[in-house]
């Protein structure tokens, strides 16, 4: 509380101490970038979390050159999947759409991406990388054109100097076709049933239909998050994640922090917070659900319960090792939520998903939807 107490001393602020942060790239770098973009028939833009504050300028540039926009996992939602140029998430948590366009691209324009191994930007492609953090440029491998500067300034500076070549393929039409293929595949996966729980594709299809467009969605770590990146189609929601640090348990505490932010900042007032985790992640900080109850936090938690650390099991299998010590002995988390004073639903059949999630989202206070899932159907 000390930070909000009144003080008799006048605050000086940053005046006279900080310079401007709007760094415009050099004219030579801008000229080379224009030449590369105008010479590309199949450019693709990788939109990273570092460009979150200027995403509108990035999207405007993509529209100018007809380039698909592939987001990093951390950048998921910065462009709605309903946008004609959206290709979804690139990398291990991503869509086959983004992977296809990465494979076909003859130029990658990377804006605000850290080039994490998780993302999967092909290093052998011609790459323009723009970043205001100079140490990020060429951090893991050399790129064709590293550009130091603020991403919004870069987009503005080249907007009137770039255009789609007359003989370039119609990537918007290709995107529409690829989305149709992927959505058909997602529908097919809904029929997969091994008798051990609900397919994650069904969960995120339902959540995508019911989730408010202005919701804030903190996501945890594990197979639940991979499935979220792959199946959930954002329409404007703000998605929060902890980066690529493997920080299991992030989801619920982040939801509490996000709810507090909605009380303090007018731009976020009244926005629904919907967090996602597996049973392993929720178990790390389960008692914090009582904190949400104590303060009447309007949080809905979607919990995918497969009674194991599913991602670790998967990694052990992929390394040709025996699955070892990943099983969990869980209580009924829905009952736990009710005992804490919140609302709790337990879902064992896909037909129950819509009603349970809709009821939880409509509830004005802490709610939890525990969904029994199959660890193999991710």
Protein backbone atom coordinates (compact mmCIF):
# COMPACT_ATOMS: atom_id res chain seq x y z
CA UNK A 1 0.00 0.00 0.00
CA UNK A 2 2.99 2.33 0.47
CA UNK A 3 3.19 3.02 -3.26
CA UNK A 4 -0.29 4.55 -3.27
CA UNK A 5 0.06 6.71 -0.14
CA UNK A 6 0.09 10.51 -0.64
CA UNK A 7 3.42 12.31 -0.34
CA UNK A 8 4.30 15.89 0.45
CA UNK A 9 7.21 15.70 -1.99
CA UNK A 10 6.52 16.55 -5.60
CA UNK A 11 7.33 13.72 -7.96
CA UNK A 12 9.81 14.69 -10.66
CA UNK A 13 9.06 11.87 -13.07
CA UNK A 14 11.32 10.97 -15.98
CA UNK A 15 11.69 14.54 -17.31
CA UNK A 16 15.34 15.28 -17.94
CA UNK A 17 16.32 11.69 -17.35
CA UNK A 18 14.93 9.62 -20.23
CA UNK A 19 15.18 10.15 -23.96
CA UNK A 20 12.60 9.16 -26.56
CA UNK A 21 11.97 5.49 -27.23
CA UNK A 22 10.66 5.77 -30.80
CA UNK A 23 13.78 4.63 -32.67
CA UNK A 24 13.43 4.92 -36.43
CA UNK A 25 15.52 2.40 -38.41
CA UNK A 26 18.33 3.74 -40.58
CA UNK A 27 17.50 4.83 -44.12
CA UNK A 28 19.87 2.16 -45.52
CA UNK A 29 18.11 -0.62 -43.60
CA UNK A 30 14.72 0.65 -44.69
CA UNK A 31 15.82 0.75 -48.34
CA UNK A 32 17.15 -2.82 -48.18
CA UNK A 33 13.96 -4.00 -46.50
CA UNK A 34 11.83 -2.39 -49.22
CA UNK A 35 13.91 -4.09 -51.93
CA UNK A 36 13.60 -7.49 -50.25
CA UNK A 37 9.84 -7.20 -49.69
CA UNK A 38 9.11 -5.91 -53.20
CA UNK A 39 11.19 -8.74 -54.65
CA UNK A 40 9.33 -11.45 -52.74
CA UNK A 41 6.38 -13.29 -54.26
CA UNK A 42 5.45 -15.12 -51.06
CA UNK A 43 6.40 -12.98 -48.04
CA UNK A 44 5.15 -14.04 -44.61
CA UNK A 45 5.07 -11.97 -41.43
CA UNK A 46 5.87 -13.49 -38.03
CA UNK A 47 4.15 -11.39 -35.37
CA UNK A 48 5.69 -11.77 -31.92
CA UNK A 49 4.68 -10.54 -28.49
CA UNK A 50 7.24 -7.75 -28.74
CA UNK A 51 4.99 -6.09 -31.34
CA UNK A 52 1.82 -6.28 -29.23
CA UNK A 53 1.45 -2.51 -28.83
CA UNK A 54 1.73 -1.88 -32.59
CA UNK A 55 -0.13 -4.89 -33.92
CA UNK A 56 -2.50 -2.66 -35.93
CA UNK A 57 0.46 -1.27 -37.87
CA UNK A 58 1.82 -4.77 -38.48
CA UNK A 59 -1.57 -5.94 -39.76
CA UNK A 60 -1.81 -2.86 -42.01
CA UNK A 61 1.59 -3.75 -43.50
CA UNK A 62 0.46 -7.34 -44.06
CA UNK A 63 -2.65 -6.09 -45.85
CA UNK A 64 -0.51 -3.85 -48.03
CA UNK A 65 1.63 -6.74 -49.31
CA UNK A 66 -0.92 -9.55 -49.03
CA UNK A 67 1.23 -11.51 -46.58
CA UNK A 68 -0.06 -14.15 -44.16
CA UNK A 69 0.51 -13.31 -40.49
CA UNK A 70 1.92 -16.14 -38.40
CA UNK A 71 2.09 -15.44 -34.68
CA UNK A 72 4.45 -16.87 -32.13
CA UNK A 73 2.75 -18.82 -29.36
CA UNK A 74 3.25 -15.93 -26.96
CA UNK A 75 1.78 -13.63 -29.62
CA UNK A 76 -1.38 -15.74 -30.05
CA UNK A 77 -4.42 -13.53 -30.40
CA UNK A 78 -2.58 -10.41 -31.54
CA UNK A 79 -4.37 -10.93 -34.85
CA UNK A 80 -7.81 -12.59 -34.64
CA UNK A 81 -8.00 -15.92 -36.43
CA UNK A 82 -11.06 -14.50 -38.23
CA UNK A 83 -8.85 -12.01 -40.11
CA UNK A 84 -8.35 -12.98 -43.78
CA UNK A 85 -4.55 -12.89 -43.36
CA UNK A 86 -4.35 -14.78 -40.06
CA UNK A 87 -2.49 -18.10 -40.24
CA UNK A 88 -2.59 -19.02 -36.55
CA UNK A 89 0.31 -19.93 -34.30
CA UNK A 90 3.63 -21.12 -35.69
CA UNK A 91 5.62 -23.89 -34.03
CA UNK A 92 5.00 -26.82 -31.73
CA UNK A 93 1.86 -25.27 -30.23
CA UNK A 94 0.61 -24.14 -33.59
CA UNK A 95 -1.49 -24.86 -36.62
CA UNK A 96 -0.61 -26.71 -39.83
CA UNK A 97 -1.69 -23.53 -41.61
CA UNK A 98 1.19 -21.50 -40.19
CA UNK A 99 3.64 -24.35 -40.83
CA UNK A 100 2.55 -24.58 -44.46
CA UNK A 101 3.05 -20.87 -45.10
CA UNK A 102 6.43 -20.91 -43.35
CA UNK A 103 7.46 -23.74 -45.67
CA UNK A 104 6.24 -21.92 -48.79
CA UNK A 105 7.53 -18.43 -47.93
CA UNK A 106 10.37 -16.86 -49.90
CA UNK A 107 10.84 -14.10 -47.29
CA UNK A 108 10.15 -13.95 -43.56
CA UNK A 109 9.53 -10.56 -41.94
CA UNK A 110 9.93 -11.18 -38.21
CA UNK A 111 8.52 -8.42 -36.01
CA UNK A 112 8.99 -8.64 -32.25
CA UNK A 113 9.85 -12.35 -32.10
CA UNK A 114 12.65 -13.71 -29.91
CA UNK A 115 13.28 -16.68 -32.27
CA UNK A 116 12.68 -19.13 -29.41
CA UNK A 117 13.21 -22.78 -30.35
CA UNK A 118 9.53 -23.36 -29.63
CA UNK A 119 8.52 -21.02 -32.47
CA UNK A 120 10.15 -22.75 -35.41
CA UNK A 121 11.14 -19.89 -37.71
CA UNK A 122 13.12 -21.55 -40.52
CA UNK A 123 16.68 -20.17 -40.24
CA UNK A 124 17.51 -21.07 -43.86
CA UNK A 125 14.90 -18.64 -45.24
CA UNK A 126 15.70 -15.02 -46.16
CA UNK A 127 14.75 -13.13 -42.99
CA UNK A 128 14.19 -9.48 -42.13
CA UNK A 129 14.21 -9.17 -38.35
CA UNK A 130 13.08 -5.91 -36.75
CA UNK A 131 13.45 -5.29 -33.04
CA UNK A 132 13.94 -2.36 -30.68
CA UNK A 133 16.13 -4.59 -28.45
CA UNK A 134 19.45 -4.64 -30.25
CA UNK A 135 20.65 -7.81 -28.50
CA UNK A 136 17.71 -9.75 -29.99
CA UNK A 137 18.89 -9.21 -33.56
CA UNK A 138 20.52 -12.36 -34.92
CA UNK A 139 20.61 -13.75 -31.39
CA UNK A 140 20.57 -17.44 -32.35
CA UNK A 141 21.77 -17.27 -35.96
CA UNK A 142 22.54 -14.61 -38.57
CA UNK A 143 19.59 -13.17 -40.49
CA UNK A 144 19.54 -11.62 -43.95
CA UNK A 145 18.69 -8.13 -42.68
CA UNK A 146 18.74 -7.23 -38.99
CA UNK A 147 16.94 -3.92 -38.46
CA UNK A 148 17.31 -1.99 -35.22
CA UNK A 149 14.32 0.19 -34.56
CA UNK A 150 10.83 0.45 -33.19
CA UNK A 151 8.52 -1.92 -35.04
CA UNK A 152 5.70 0.58 -35.52
CA UNK A 153 8.08 3.12 -36.99
CA UNK A 154 9.44 0.47 -39.37
CA UNK A 155 5.95 -0.40 -40.60
CA UNK A 156 5.03 3.25 -41.10
CA UNK A 157 8.30 4.08 -42.86
CA UNK A 158 7.93 1.40 -45.54
CA UNK A 159 4.13 1.34 -45.91
CA UNK A 160 4.01 3.58 -48.98
CA UNK A 161 7.10 2.01 -50.55
CA UNK A 162 6.06 -1.64 -50.69
CA UNK A 163 3.45 -3.46 -52.73
CA UNK A 164 2.43 -6.94 -53.74
CA UNK A 165 4.03 -7.96 -57.08
CA UNK A 166 1.60 -8.34 -59.96
CA UNK A 167 2.56 -12.00 -60.49
CA UNK A 168 2.40 -12.94 -56.80
CA UNK A 169 0.03 -15.76 -55.79
CA UNK A 170 -3.18 -14.89 -53.96
CA UNK A 171 -2.18 -15.86 -50.43
CA UNK A 172 -5.53 -14.71 -49.02
CA UNK A 173 -7.30 -17.34 -51.12
CA UNK A 174 -4.71 -19.91 -50.06
CA UNK A 175 -5.29 -19.02 -46.41
CA UNK A 176 -9.02 -19.53 -46.79
CA UNK A 177 -8.41 -22.94 -48.31
CA UNK A 178 -5.94 -23.97 -45.62
CA UNK A 179 -8.31 -22.89 -42.84
CA UNK A 180 -11.07 -24.97 -44.42
CA UNK A 181 -8.79 -28.04 -44.42
CA UNK A 182 -7.73 -27.48 -40.80
CA UNK A 183 -11.27 -26.89 -39.54
CA UNK A 184 -12.41 -30.06 -41.28
CA UNK A 185 -9.56 -31.92 -39.58
CA UNK A 186 -10.54 -30.46 -36.19
CA UNK A 187 -14.12 -31.64 -36.69
CA UNK A 188 -12.84 -35.12 -37.55
CA UNK A 189 -10.82 -35.21 -34.34
CA UNK A 190 -13.98 -34.57 -32.35
CA UNK A 191 -15.06 -38.12 -33.18
CA UNK A 192 -11.92 -39.66 -31.64
CA UNK A 193 -12.79 -41.45 -28.41
CA UNK A 194 -10.69 -44.02 -26.55
CA UNK A 195 -13.03 -44.18 -23.58
CA UNK A 196 -10.56 -42.41 -21.30
CA UNK A 197 -11.84 -38.84 -21.46
CA UNK A 198 -12.79 -35.89 -23.65
CA UNK A 199 -10.71 -34.72 -26.61
CA UNK A 200 -9.11 -31.31 -26.02
CA UNK A 201 -10.29 -30.24 -29.47
CA UNK A 202 -13.88 -30.41 -28.19
CA UNK A 203 -13.02 -28.31 -25.14
CA UNK A 204 -11.43 -25.47 -27.07
CA UNK A 205 -14.07 -25.54 -29.78
CA UNK A 206 -16.72 -24.99 -27.10
CA UNK A 207 -14.67 -22.39 -25.26
CA UNK A 208 -14.07 -20.54 -28.52
CA UNK A 209 -17.82 -20.34 -29.10
CA UNK A 210 -18.65 -19.16 -25.57
CA UNK A 211 -15.67 -17.00 -24.56
CA UNK A 212 -16.37 -13.23 -24.61
CA UNK A 213 -14.33 -11.43 -27.25
CA UNK A 214 -12.80 -9.07 -24.67
CA UNK A 215 -11.89 -11.80 -22.18
CA UNK A 216 -8.42 -12.12 -20.67
CA UNK A 217 -7.08 -15.68 -20.89
CA UNK A 218 -4.03 -16.68 -18.82
CA UNK A 219 -2.74 -20.11 -19.88
CA UNK A 220 -0.58 -22.52 -17.91
CA UNK A 221 2.03 -25.03 -19.07
CA UNK A 222 1.68 -28.52 -20.50
CA UNK A 223 -0.45 -30.41 -22.99
CA UNK A 224 -3.44 -28.23 -22.10
CA UNK A 225 -1.52 -25.21 -23.38
CA UNK A 226 -0.32 -26.95 -26.53
CA UNK A 227 -3.93 -27.85 -27.30
CA UNK A 228 -5.07 -24.31 -26.60
CA UNK A 229 -2.48 -22.95 -29.04
CA UNK A 230 -3.54 -25.47 -31.66
CA UNK A 231 -7.34 -25.49 -31.38
CA UNK A 232 -8.61 -22.27 -29.81
CA UNK A 233 -9.43 -19.58 -32.38
CA UNK A 234 -9.09 -16.12 -30.77
CA UNK A 235 -11.48 -13.35 -31.80
CA UNK A 236 -9.92 -10.47 -29.89
CA UNK A 237 -9.21 -11.98 -26.48
CA UNK A 238 -6.08 -10.97 -24.57
CA UNK A 239 -3.93 -14.05 -23.95
CA UNK A 240 -1.31 -14.17 -21.19
CA UNK A 241 1.46 -16.72 -20.83
CA UNK A 242 4.75 -16.95 -18.98
CA UNK A 243 6.94 -17.29 -22.04
CA UNK A 244 8.77 -20.53 -22.75
CA UNK A 245 10.02 -21.11 -19.22
CA UNK A 246 8.01 -24.21 -18.35
CA UNK A 247 6.63 -22.43 -15.26
CA UNK A 248 3.89 -24.89 -14.38
CA UNK A 249 1.21 -23.40 -12.13
CA UNK A 250 1.17 -19.99 -13.84
CA UNK A 251 -2.50 -20.08 -14.90
CA UNK A 252 -4.52 -19.44 -11.73
CA UNK A 253 -2.11 -16.94 -10.08
CA UNK A 254 -1.96 -15.05 -13.40
CA UNK A 255 -5.75 -14.98 -13.46
CA UNK A 256 -5.78 -13.45 -9.97
CA UNK A 257 -3.28 -10.81 -11.11
CA UNK A 258 -5.28 -10.13 -14.26
CA UNK A 259 -8.49 -9.72 -12.27
CA UNK A 260 -6.78 -7.23 -9.97
CA UNK A 261 -5.62 -5.29 -13.04
CA UNK A 262 -9.21 -5.11 -14.29
CA UNK A 263 -10.13 -3.31 -11.08
CA UNK A 264 -7.31 -0.78 -11.33
CA UNK A 265 -7.37 0.12 -15.04
CA UNK A 266 -10.45 1.53 -16.75
CA UNK A 267 -9.58 -0.07 -20.08
CA UNK A 268 -9.93 -3.53 -18.52
CA UNK A 269 -12.84 -2.88 -16.13
CA UNK A 270 -15.46 -5.61 -16.27
CA UNK A 271 -13.55 -7.95 -18.58
CA UNK A 272 -14.00 -11.63 -17.83
CA UNK A 273 -10.89 -13.56 -16.80
CA UNK A 274 -10.80 -17.20 -17.96
CA UNK A 275 -7.70 -19.19 -17.00
CA UNK A 276 -6.67 -22.61 -18.31
CA UNK A 277 -4.50 -25.32 -16.79
CA UNK A 278 -4.02 -29.03 -16.41
CA UNK A 279 -4.48 -30.85 -13.14
CA UNK A 280 -0.74 -30.74 -12.48
CA UNK A 281 -0.62 -26.97 -12.92
CA UNK A 282 -3.71 -26.26 -10.86
CA UNK A 283 -2.38 -28.45 -8.07
CA UNK A 284 0.67 -26.22 -7.66
CA UNK A 285 -1.42 -23.32 -6.31
CA UNK A 286 -4.86 -24.84 -5.75
CA UNK A 287 -5.39 -23.09 -2.41
CA UNK A 288 -5.23 -19.72 -4.14
CA UNK A 289 -8.77 -20.48 -5.26
CA UNK A 290 -9.72 -19.45 -1.71
CA UNK A 291 -8.12 -16.07 -2.38
CA UNK A 292 -10.37 -15.66 -5.41
CA UNK A 293 -13.38 -16.56 -3.24
CA UNK A 294 -12.37 -14.19 -0.44
CA UNK A 295 -12.27 -11.21 -2.76
CA UNK A 296 -15.15 -12.21 -5.03
CA UNK A 297 -12.96 -12.39 -8.12
CA UNK A 298 -14.86 -12.93 -11.35
CA UNK A 299 -12.57 -15.72 -12.60
CA UNK A 300 -13.48 -18.89 -14.46
CA UNK A 301 -10.87 -21.63 -14.43
CA UNK A 302 -10.95 -24.35 -17.10
CA UNK A 303 -9.13 -27.40 -15.73
CA UNK A 304 -8.18 -30.30 -18.03
CA UNK A 305 -7.79 -33.28 -15.72
CA UNK A 306 -6.00 -36.33 -17.16
CA UNK A 307 -4.57 -37.50 -13.79
CA UNK A 308 -0.99 -37.14 -14.96
CA UNK A 309 1.73 -34.77 -16.06
CA UNK A 310 0.80 -35.54 -19.65
CA UNK A 311 3.45 -33.47 -21.39
CA UNK A 312 6.20 -35.12 -19.35
CA UNK A 313 4.79 -38.55 -20.20
CA UNK A 314 4.80 -37.59 -23.86
CA UNK A 315 8.40 -36.38 -23.72
CA UNK A 316 9.47 -39.61 -22.02
CA UNK A 317 7.82 -41.69 -24.75
CA UNK A 318 9.36 -39.57 -27.51
CA UNK A 319 12.79 -40.18 -26.00
CA UNK A 320 12.07 -43.91 -25.98
CA UNK A 321 12.18 -43.99 -22.18
CA UNK A 322 9.64 -45.65 -19.92
CA UNK A 323 6.95 -43.37 -18.52
CA UNK A 324 8.07 -42.78 -14.94
CA UNK A 325 6.44 -40.98 -12.00
CA UNK A 326 4.02 -38.81 -13.97
CA UNK A 327 0.75 -40.18 -12.56
CA UNK A 328 -1.20 -38.00 -10.11
CA UNK A 329 -3.66 -38.87 -7.33
CA UNK A 330 -6.27 -36.12 -7.61
CA UNK A 331 -9.29 -35.12 -5.56
CA UNK A 332 -12.50 -33.98 -7.22
CA UNK A 333 -11.45 -30.44 -8.14
CA UNK A 334 -15.07 -29.42 -8.77
CA UNK A 335 -15.99 -30.47 -5.24
CA UNK A 336 -12.90 -28.67 -3.96
CA UNK A 337 -14.05 -25.45 -5.66
CA UNK A 338 -17.47 -25.72 -4.03
CA UNK A 339 -15.94 -26.43 -0.61
CA UNK A 340 -13.88 -23.28 -1.00
CA UNK A 341 -17.09 -21.30 -1.58
CA UNK A 342 -16.98 -21.01 -5.36
CA UNK A 343 -18.85 -22.71 -8.16
CA UNK A 344 -17.64 -26.11 -9.41
CA UNK A 345 -18.63 -28.26 -12.39
CA UNK A 346 -17.30 -31.71 -13.28
CA UNK A 347 -17.60 -32.76 -16.94
CA UNK A 348 -17.13 -36.35 -18.09
CA UNK A 349 -19.02 -36.22 -21.39
CA UNK A 350 -18.46 -33.83 -24.30
CA UNK A 351 -22.21 -33.23 -24.47
CA UNK A 352 -21.98 -31.52 -21.06
CA UNK A 353 -19.28 -29.03 -22.09
CA UNK A 354 -21.50 -26.27 -23.43
CA UNK A 355 -23.78 -26.08 -20.42
CA UNK A 356 -21.00 -26.29 -17.84
CA UNK A 357 -18.71 -23.71 -19.45
CA UNK A 358 -21.58 -21.31 -20.22
CA UNK A 359 -22.81 -21.53 -16.62
CA UNK A 360 -19.30 -20.95 -15.25
CA UNK A 361 -18.67 -17.92 -17.46
CA UNK A 362 -22.04 -16.41 -16.52
CA UNK A 363 -21.33 -16.86 -12.80
CA UNK A 364 -20.32 -13.59 -11.11
CA UNK A 365 -17.49 -14.91 -8.98
CA UNK A 366 -14.93 -17.70 -8.89
CA UNK A 367 -15.93 -20.79 -10.85
CA UNK A 368 -14.12 -23.92 -11.96
CA UNK A 369 -14.90 -26.41 -14.71
CA UNK A 370 -13.08 -29.70 -14.20
CA UNK A 371 -13.03 -31.68 -17.46
CA UNK A 372 -11.89 -35.29 -17.53
CA UNK A 373 -9.62 -35.58 -20.58
CA UNK A 374 -7.63 -38.20 -22.43
CA UNK A 375 -3.89 -37.49 -22.16
CA UNK A 376 -3.35 -38.90 -25.66
CA UNK A 377 -6.00 -36.77 -27.39
CA UNK A 378 -4.23 -33.44 -27.52
